[in-house]
């Protein structure tokens, strides 16, 4: 069931922002892609929660600090190991909703090692603010849901 939104707020949201559905309970959050870009490129981030198919794998990323650069490069370092990847935000029309609404994906790519390849995905944005980014993805293969949370250091 969708929440009722003030018509004035809805009009503003449809003109200036994008939407992203959350993890299956049919609620929609307003996602402003430019705002997300500004937030994620400001400072360093760490993974505070990562669950792959209901298995908590957060410990695999303890000690790593992530930097999302404006040019789309992504760095992860724990002081002794440095890894490079890429990130982007893409918007596409969401065929399940009004054509004025857009689907926003937070894309992460690492080629190696295996534990970082697990982060490579087109993530949906569940929630975000200046200090936290909560992401989720449902697998097309088995229907399981993965969660990934970054918090600013």
N, C-alpha and C. Protein backbone atom coordinates (compact mmCIF):
# COMPACT_ATOMS: atom_id res chain seq x y z
N UNK A 1 0.84 -1.16 0.00
CA UNK A 1 0.00 0.00 0.00
C UNK A 1 0.89 1.24 0.00
N UNK A 2 0.60 2.19 -0.87
CA UNK A 2 1.39 3.41 -0.95
C UNK A 2 0.93 4.41 0.10
N UNK A 3 1.89 5.15 0.63
CA UNK A 3 1.56 6.19 1.59
C UNK A 3 0.97 7.38 0.85
N UNK A 4 0.07 8.10 1.49
CA UNK A 4 -0.51 9.30 0.93
C UNK A 4 0.47 10.44 1.13
N UNK A 5 0.73 11.17 0.04
CA UNK A 5 1.71 12.25 0.08
C UNK A 5 0.98 13.56 -0.20
N UNK A 6 1.34 14.60 0.50
CA UNK A 6 0.80 15.92 0.27
C UNK A 6 0.97 16.27 -1.21
N UNK A 7 -0.10 16.70 -1.91
CA UNK A 7 -0.01 16.99 -3.35
C UNK A 7 1.06 18.01 -3.70
N UNK A 8 1.24 19.04 -2.88
CA UNK A 8 2.27 20.03 -3.15
C UNK A 8 3.66 19.40 -3.08
N UNK A 9 3.90 18.59 -2.07
CA UNK A 9 5.18 17.90 -1.94
C UNK A 9 5.39 16.96 -3.11
N UNK A 10 4.36 16.24 -3.52
CA UNK A 10 4.46 15.31 -4.64
C UNK A 10 4.81 16.05 -5.92
N UNK A 11 4.19 17.19 -6.17
CA UNK A 11 4.47 17.97 -7.37
C UNK A 11 5.93 18.39 -7.40
N UNK A 12 6.44 18.87 -6.26
CA UNK A 12 7.84 19.27 -6.18
C UNK A 12 8.75 18.08 -6.43
N UNK A 13 8.46 16.96 -5.83
CA UNK A 13 9.29 15.76 -5.96
C UNK A 13 9.34 15.27 -7.39
N UNK A 14 8.23 15.29 -8.08
CA UNK A 14 8.20 14.78 -9.45
C UNK A 14 8.95 15.69 -10.40
N UNK A 15 9.00 16.97 -10.10
CA UNK A 15 9.69 17.91 -10.97
C UNK A 15 11.19 17.87 -10.75
N UNK A 16 11.64 17.70 -9.48
CA UNK A 16 13.05 17.90 -9.19
C UNK A 16 13.83 16.65 -8.80
N UNK A 17 13.16 15.54 -8.55
CA UNK A 17 13.86 14.39 -8.00
C UNK A 17 13.46 13.11 -8.72
N UNK A 18 14.14 12.05 -8.33
CA UNK A 18 13.84 10.74 -8.86
C UNK A 18 13.29 9.88 -7.74
N UNK A 19 12.75 8.73 -8.10
CA UNK A 19 12.25 7.82 -7.08
C UNK A 19 12.94 6.49 -7.20
N UNK A 20 12.92 5.76 -6.11
CA UNK A 20 13.47 4.42 -6.09
C UNK A 20 12.61 3.61 -5.15
N UNK A 21 12.16 2.46 -5.61
CA UNK A 21 11.34 1.64 -4.73
C UNK A 21 12.22 0.96 -3.71
N UNK A 22 11.68 0.74 -2.52
CA UNK A 22 12.47 0.07 -1.50
C UNK A 22 12.38 -1.43 -1.70
N UNK A 23 12.68 -2.19 -0.70
CA UNK A 23 12.89 -3.63 -0.84
C UNK A 23 11.60 -4.45 -0.91
N UNK A 24 10.60 -4.00 -1.64
CA UNK A 24 9.48 -4.86 -1.92
C UNK A 24 8.20 -4.55 -1.18
N UNK A 25 8.18 -3.58 -0.27
CA UNK A 25 6.92 -3.31 0.41
C UNK A 25 6.20 -2.14 -0.23
N UNK A 26 6.49 -1.89 -1.51
CA UNK A 26 5.76 -0.96 -2.36
C UNK A 26 5.78 0.49 -1.90
N UNK A 27 6.67 0.86 -1.03
CA UNK A 27 6.83 2.26 -0.68
C UNK A 27 7.85 2.86 -1.63
N UNK A 28 7.74 4.14 -1.86
CA UNK A 28 8.66 4.83 -2.75
C UNK A 28 9.33 5.96 -1.99
N UNK A 29 10.64 6.08 -2.15
CA UNK A 29 11.35 7.20 -1.55
C UNK A 29 11.78 8.14 -2.67
N UNK A 30 11.92 9.39 -2.35
CA UNK A 30 12.38 10.38 -3.31
C UNK A 30 13.90 10.39 -3.27
N UNK A 31 14.52 10.19 -4.42
CA UNK A 31 15.98 10.17 -4.52
C UNK A 31 16.40 11.26 -5.50
N UNK A 32 17.20 12.18 -5.04
CA UNK A 32 17.74 13.23 -5.88
C UNK A 32 19.16 12.80 -6.24
N UNK A 33 19.36 12.40 -7.50
CA UNK A 33 20.65 11.85 -7.94
C UNK A 33 21.80 12.83 -7.72
N UNK A 34 21.59 14.09 -8.02
CA UNK A 34 22.66 15.08 -7.83
C UNK A 34 23.00 15.25 -6.36
N UNK A 35 22.01 15.20 -5.50
CA UNK A 35 22.25 15.30 -4.07
C UNK A 35 23.04 14.08 -3.58
N UNK A 36 22.70 12.90 -4.05
CA UNK A 36 23.42 11.69 -3.67
C UNK A 36 24.88 11.79 -4.11
N UNK A 37 25.12 12.27 -5.33
CA UNK A 37 26.50 12.44 -5.83
C UNK A 37 27.28 13.39 -4.94
N UNK A 38 26.66 14.50 -4.56
CA UNK A 38 27.35 15.48 -3.71
C UNK A 38 27.67 14.90 -2.34
N UNK A 39 26.76 14.12 -1.80
CA UNK A 39 26.95 13.53 -0.47
C UNK A 39 28.07 12.49 -0.50
N UNK A 40 28.01 11.57 -1.46
CA UNK A 40 28.94 10.42 -1.45
C UNK A 40 30.37 10.84 -1.82
N UNK A 41 30.53 11.94 -2.56
CA UNK A 41 31.88 12.38 -2.92
C UNK A 41 32.50 13.30 -1.88
N UNK A 42 31.77 13.54 -0.81
CA UNK A 42 32.27 14.41 0.26
C UNK A 42 32.77 13.56 1.43
N UNK A 43 34.06 13.30 1.44
CA UNK A 43 34.65 12.60 2.57
C UNK A 43 34.90 11.12 2.33
N UNK A 44 35.20 10.45 3.43
CA UNK A 44 35.51 9.02 3.42
C UNK A 44 34.38 8.25 4.08
N UNK A 45 34.19 7.00 3.63
CA UNK A 45 33.08 6.18 4.08
C UNK A 45 33.58 4.80 4.49
N UNK A 46 32.83 4.15 5.35
CA UNK A 46 33.15 2.76 5.73
C UNK A 46 31.86 1.94 5.65
N UNK A 47 32.01 0.66 5.44
CA UNK A 47 30.86 -0.23 5.41
C UNK A 47 30.51 -0.60 6.85
N UNK A 48 29.29 -0.30 7.23
CA UNK A 48 28.83 -0.63 8.58
C UNK A 48 27.90 -1.83 8.59
N UNK A 49 27.44 -2.26 7.41
CA UNK A 49 26.60 -3.44 7.32
C UNK A 49 26.60 -3.94 5.88
N UNK A 50 26.84 -5.24 5.71
CA UNK A 50 26.71 -5.88 4.41
C UNK A 50 26.15 -7.28 4.64
N UNK A 51 24.98 -7.52 4.10
CA UNK A 51 24.35 -8.84 4.19
C UNK A 51 24.12 -9.36 2.78
N UNK A 52 24.67 -10.54 2.51
CA UNK A 52 24.51 -11.20 1.23
C UNK A 52 23.60 -12.39 1.43
N UNK A 53 22.39 -12.33 0.89
CA UNK A 53 21.40 -13.41 1.04
C UNK A 53 21.20 -13.77 2.52
N UNK A 54 20.99 -12.76 3.35
CA UNK A 54 20.73 -12.91 4.78
C UNK A 54 21.93 -13.40 5.58
N UNK A 55 23.12 -13.39 5.00
CA UNK A 55 24.35 -13.73 5.71
C UNK A 55 25.13 -12.45 5.94
N UNK A 56 25.40 -12.12 7.20
CA UNK A 56 26.12 -10.90 7.55
C UNK A 56 27.60 -11.09 7.25
N UNK A 57 28.08 -10.38 6.22
CA UNK A 57 29.49 -10.44 5.82
C UNK A 57 30.21 -9.11 6.08
N UNK A 58 29.69 -8.32 7.01
CA UNK A 58 30.26 -7.01 7.29
C UNK A 58 31.73 -7.11 7.68
N UNK A 59 32.10 -8.13 8.44
CA UNK A 59 33.48 -8.27 8.92
C UNK A 59 34.50 -8.32 7.79
N UNK A 60 34.11 -8.73 6.58
CA UNK A 60 35.04 -8.77 5.45
C UNK A 60 35.60 -7.40 5.10
N UNK A 61 34.93 -6.34 5.53
CA UNK A 61 35.31 -4.98 5.14
C UNK A 61 35.76 -4.12 6.32
N UNK A 62 35.93 -4.74 7.48
CA UNK A 62 36.41 -4.01 8.66
C UNK A 62 37.76 -3.38 8.36
N UNK A 63 37.91 -2.13 8.73
CA UNK A 63 39.18 -1.43 8.56
C UNK A 63 39.32 -0.75 7.21
N UNK A 64 38.44 -1.02 6.26
CA UNK A 64 38.54 -0.37 4.95
C UNK A 64 37.83 0.97 4.96
N UNK A 65 38.46 1.93 4.34
CA UNK A 65 37.88 3.26 4.13
C UNK A 65 37.68 3.42 2.63
N UNK A 66 36.50 3.88 2.24
CA UNK A 66 36.13 4.03 0.83
C UNK A 66 36.05 5.51 0.47
N UNK A 67 36.59 5.84 -0.71
CA UNK A 67 36.54 7.19 -1.24
C UNK A 67 35.88 7.14 -2.61
N UNK A 68 34.76 7.85 -2.74
CA UNK A 68 34.02 7.94 -4.00
C UNK A 68 34.40 9.27 -4.65
N UNK A 69 35.20 9.21 -5.71
CA UNK A 69 35.71 10.42 -6.34
C UNK A 69 34.74 10.94 -7.40
N UNK A 70 34.77 12.25 -7.62
CA UNK A 70 33.89 12.91 -8.57
C UNK A 70 34.05 12.33 -9.98
N UNK A 71 35.26 11.88 -10.33
CA UNK A 71 35.50 11.35 -11.67
C UNK A 71 35.01 9.92 -11.86
N UNK A 72 34.34 9.34 -10.86
CA UNK A 72 33.79 7.99 -11.00
C UNK A 72 34.71 6.88 -10.52
N UNK A 73 35.89 7.24 -10.05
CA UNK A 73 36.78 6.22 -9.50
C UNK A 73 36.42 6.00 -8.03
N UNK A 74 36.72 4.81 -7.58
CA UNK A 74 36.40 4.40 -6.21
C UNK A 74 37.64 3.76 -5.61
N UNK A 75 38.02 4.21 -4.45
CA UNK A 75 39.16 3.64 -3.77
C UNK A 75 38.76 3.02 -2.44
N UNK A 76 39.45 1.95 -2.08
CA UNK A 76 39.25 1.31 -0.79
C UNK A 76 40.63 0.98 -0.24
N UNK A 77 40.88 1.38 1.01
CA UNK A 77 42.17 1.09 1.61
C UNK A 77 41.99 0.77 3.08
N UNK A 78 42.86 -0.12 3.57
CA UNK A 78 42.87 -0.43 5.00
C UNK A 78 44.22 -0.11 5.61
N UNK A 79 45.02 0.68 4.92
CA UNK A 79 46.34 1.07 5.41
C UNK A 79 47.44 0.25 4.79
N UNK A 80 47.21 -1.04 4.55
CA UNK A 80 48.22 -1.88 3.92
C UNK A 80 47.81 -2.36 2.53
N UNK A 81 46.54 -2.38 2.25
CA UNK A 81 46.02 -2.80 0.95
C UNK A 81 45.16 -1.70 0.37
N UNK A 82 45.42 -1.36 -0.89
CA UNK A 82 44.61 -0.36 -1.60
C UNK A 82 44.01 -1.01 -2.83
N UNK A 83 42.72 -0.78 -3.01
CA UNK A 83 42.00 -1.35 -4.15
C UNK A 83 41.34 -0.23 -4.93
N UNK A 84 41.22 -0.44 -6.23
CA UNK A 84 40.58 0.55 -7.10
C UNK A 84 39.36 -0.05 -7.74
N UNK A 85 38.35 0.78 -7.88
CA UNK A 85 37.12 0.37 -8.54
C UNK A 85 36.49 1.57 -9.21
N UNK A 86 35.20 1.44 -9.49
CA UNK A 86 34.46 2.52 -10.12
C UNK A 86 33.07 2.59 -9.49
N UNK A 87 32.46 3.75 -9.62
CA UNK A 87 31.10 3.94 -9.12
C UNK A 87 30.40 4.93 -10.04
N UNK A 88 29.08 4.87 -10.04
CA UNK A 88 28.29 5.83 -10.80
C UNK A 88 26.86 5.80 -10.27
N UNK A 89 26.11 6.78 -10.68
CA UNK A 89 24.68 6.82 -10.41
C UNK A 89 24.01 6.91 -11.76
N UNK A 90 23.08 6.01 -12.01
CA UNK A 90 22.35 6.02 -13.27
C UNK A 90 20.86 6.21 -12.99
N UNK A 91 20.21 6.86 -13.93
CA UNK A 91 18.78 7.06 -13.84
C UNK A 91 18.13 6.48 -15.09
N UNK A 92 17.02 5.83 -14.90
CA UNK A 92 16.27 5.31 -16.04
C UNK A 92 14.79 5.42 -15.73
N UNK A 93 13.99 5.39 -16.77
CA UNK A 93 12.55 5.45 -16.54
C UNK A 93 12.10 4.20 -15.81
N UNK A 94 11.22 4.39 -14.86
CA UNK A 94 10.66 3.28 -14.10
C UNK A 94 9.32 2.94 -14.73
N UNK A 95 9.26 1.84 -15.45
CA UNK A 95 8.06 1.46 -16.18
C UNK A 95 6.88 1.11 -15.27
N UNK A 96 7.15 0.89 -13.99
CA UNK A 96 6.08 0.52 -13.06
C UNK A 96 5.35 1.73 -12.50
N UNK A 97 5.82 2.92 -12.79
CA UNK A 97 5.24 4.12 -12.19
C UNK A 97 4.97 5.15 -13.28
N UNK A 98 4.52 6.30 -12.87
CA UNK A 98 4.28 7.42 -13.76
C UNK A 98 5.54 7.69 -14.58
N UNK A 99 5.38 7.99 -15.86
CA UNK A 99 6.55 8.15 -16.73
C UNK A 99 7.44 9.31 -16.33
N UNK A 100 6.95 10.25 -15.51
CA UNK A 100 7.79 11.35 -15.05
C UNK A 100 8.77 10.90 -13.98
N UNK A 101 8.56 9.74 -13.39
CA UNK A 101 9.44 9.25 -12.34
C UNK A 101 10.58 8.46 -12.95
N UNK A 102 11.73 8.51 -12.30
CA UNK A 102 12.92 7.83 -12.78
C UNK A 102 13.45 6.90 -11.70
N UNK A 103 14.03 5.79 -12.12
CA UNK A 103 14.65 4.84 -11.21
C UNK A 103 16.12 5.22 -11.07
N UNK A 104 16.62 5.31 -9.85
CA UNK A 104 18.00 5.70 -9.60
C UNK A 104 18.76 4.49 -9.06
N UNK A 105 19.88 4.17 -9.69
CA UNK A 105 20.73 3.07 -9.23
C UNK A 105 22.08 3.61 -8.81
N UNK A 106 22.60 3.06 -7.72
CA UNK A 106 23.94 3.38 -7.22
C UNK A 106 24.82 2.21 -7.63
N UNK A 107 25.69 2.43 -8.61
CA UNK A 107 26.48 1.35 -9.21
C UNK A 107 27.88 1.31 -8.62
N UNK A 108 28.30 0.11 -8.24
CA UNK A 108 29.65 -0.12 -7.70
C UNK A 108 30.30 -1.22 -8.51
N UNK A 109 31.59 -1.03 -8.82
CA UNK A 109 32.33 -2.07 -9.55
C UNK A 109 33.73 -2.22 -8.96
N UNK A 110 34.07 -3.45 -8.59
CA UNK A 110 35.42 -3.87 -8.25
C UNK A 110 35.70 -5.14 -9.04
N UNK A 111 36.87 -5.25 -9.68
CA UNK A 111 37.22 -6.44 -10.45
C UNK A 111 37.78 -7.55 -9.56
N UNK A 112 38.38 -7.19 -8.44
CA UNK A 112 38.95 -8.16 -7.52
C UNK A 112 39.24 -7.44 -6.21
N UNK A 113 39.54 -8.16 -5.15
CA UNK A 113 39.43 -9.59 -4.92
C UNK A 113 37.96 -10.01 -4.78
N UNK A 114 37.75 -11.29 -4.59
CA UNK A 114 36.40 -11.85 -4.57
C UNK A 114 35.45 -11.14 -3.61
N UNK A 115 35.92 -10.82 -2.40
CA UNK A 115 35.01 -10.19 -1.43
C UNK A 115 34.58 -8.80 -1.90
N UNK A 116 35.41 -8.13 -2.69
CA UNK A 116 35.03 -6.83 -3.22
C UNK A 116 34.19 -6.96 -4.48
N UNK A 117 34.39 -8.03 -5.23
CA UNK A 117 33.53 -8.31 -6.38
C UNK A 117 32.08 -8.48 -5.93
N UNK A 118 31.86 -8.97 -4.70
CA UNK A 118 30.51 -9.13 -4.18
C UNK A 118 29.79 -7.79 -4.06
N UNK A 119 30.53 -6.71 -3.90
CA UNK A 119 29.94 -5.38 -3.80
C UNK A 119 29.52 -4.83 -5.16
N UNK A 120 30.08 -5.40 -6.22
CA UNK A 120 29.78 -4.92 -7.57
C UNK A 120 28.32 -5.22 -7.91
N UNK A 121 27.56 -4.14 -8.07
CA UNK A 121 26.13 -4.31 -8.30
C UNK A 121 25.50 -2.99 -8.68
N UNK A 122 24.29 -3.05 -9.18
CA UNK A 122 23.45 -1.87 -9.42
C UNK A 122 22.49 -1.79 -8.24
N UNK A 123 22.89 -1.09 -7.20
CA UNK A 123 22.15 -1.04 -5.95
C UNK A 123 21.00 -0.04 -6.02
N UNK A 124 19.91 -0.36 -5.36
CA UNK A 124 18.81 0.57 -5.16
C UNK A 124 19.08 1.35 -3.88
N UNK A 125 18.64 2.58 -3.83
CA UNK A 125 18.87 3.42 -2.66
C UNK A 125 17.66 3.31 -1.74
N UNK A 126 17.89 2.77 -0.56
CA UNK A 126 16.83 2.60 0.43
C UNK A 126 16.64 3.88 1.23
N UNK A 127 17.77 4.51 1.61
CA UNK A 127 17.73 5.73 2.40
C UNK A 127 19.09 6.39 2.30
N UNK A 128 19.13 7.72 2.46
CA UNK A 128 20.42 8.41 2.46
C UNK A 128 20.29 9.75 3.17
N UNK A 129 21.44 10.17 3.71
CA UNK A 129 21.57 11.51 4.28
C UNK A 129 23.06 11.86 4.25
N UNK A 130 23.45 12.96 4.87
CA UNK A 130 24.85 13.41 4.82
C UNK A 130 25.83 12.45 5.47
N UNK A 131 25.34 11.54 6.29
CA UNK A 131 26.23 10.66 7.05
C UNK A 131 26.05 9.18 6.75
N UNK A 132 25.01 8.81 6.00
CA UNK A 132 24.73 7.38 5.79
C UNK A 132 24.08 7.13 4.44
N UNK A 133 24.46 6.02 3.80
CA UNK A 133 23.88 5.59 2.55
C UNK A 133 23.46 4.13 2.72
N UNK A 134 22.15 3.85 2.63
CA UNK A 134 21.63 2.49 2.78
C UNK A 134 21.16 2.00 1.41
N UNK A 135 21.72 0.87 0.99
CA UNK A 135 21.44 0.32 -0.33
C UNK A 135 20.88 -1.09 -0.22
N UNK A 136 20.17 -1.54 -1.26
CA UNK A 136 19.64 -2.90 -1.29
C UNK A 136 19.56 -3.37 -2.74
N UNK A 137 19.53 -4.67 -2.91
CA UNK A 137 19.36 -5.27 -4.23
C UNK A 137 18.73 -6.65 -4.08
N UNK A 138 17.80 -6.96 -4.96
CA UNK A 138 17.20 -8.28 -4.99
C UNK A 138 17.75 -9.04 -6.18
N UNK A 139 18.25 -10.24 -5.94
CA UNK A 139 18.83 -11.07 -6.98
C UNK A 139 17.75 -11.57 -7.93
N UNK A 140 18.02 -11.47 -9.23
CA UNK A 140 17.09 -12.03 -10.21
C UNK A 140 17.20 -13.55 -10.26
N UNK A 141 18.32 -14.09 -9.79
CA UNK A 141 18.53 -15.53 -9.83
C UNK A 141 17.70 -16.27 -8.80
N UNK A 142 17.78 -15.83 -7.53
CA UNK A 142 17.11 -16.59 -6.48
C UNK A 142 16.14 -15.76 -5.62
N UNK A 143 16.00 -14.48 -5.93
CA UNK A 143 15.07 -13.63 -5.20
C UNK A 143 15.56 -13.18 -3.84
N UNK A 144 16.80 -13.51 -3.47
CA UNK A 144 17.33 -13.08 -2.17
C UNK A 144 17.65 -11.59 -2.23
N UNK A 145 17.68 -10.97 -1.06
CA UNK A 145 17.95 -9.54 -0.97
C UNK A 145 19.27 -9.31 -0.25
N UNK A 146 20.09 -8.44 -0.82
CA UNK A 146 21.36 -8.03 -0.23
C UNK A 146 21.22 -6.60 0.26
N UNK A 147 21.93 -6.27 1.34
CA UNK A 147 21.92 -4.93 1.91
C UNK A 147 23.34 -4.44 2.09
N UNK A 148 23.57 -3.17 1.83
CA UNK A 148 24.89 -2.56 1.97
C UNK A 148 24.72 -1.16 2.54
N UNK A 149 25.35 -0.91 3.69
CA UNK A 149 25.29 0.40 4.33
C UNK A 149 26.68 1.00 4.44
N UNK A 150 26.79 2.25 4.00
CA UNK A 150 28.00 3.02 4.18
C UNK A 150 27.71 4.14 5.17
N UNK A 151 28.69 4.43 6.06
CA UNK A 151 28.59 5.58 6.94
C UNK A 151 29.85 6.40 6.80
N UNK A 152 29.68 7.70 6.88
CA UNK A 152 30.81 8.62 6.77
C UNK A 152 31.71 8.46 7.98
N UNK A 153 33.03 8.47 7.74
CA UNK A 153 34.00 8.33 8.83
C UNK A 153 34.25 9.66 9.50
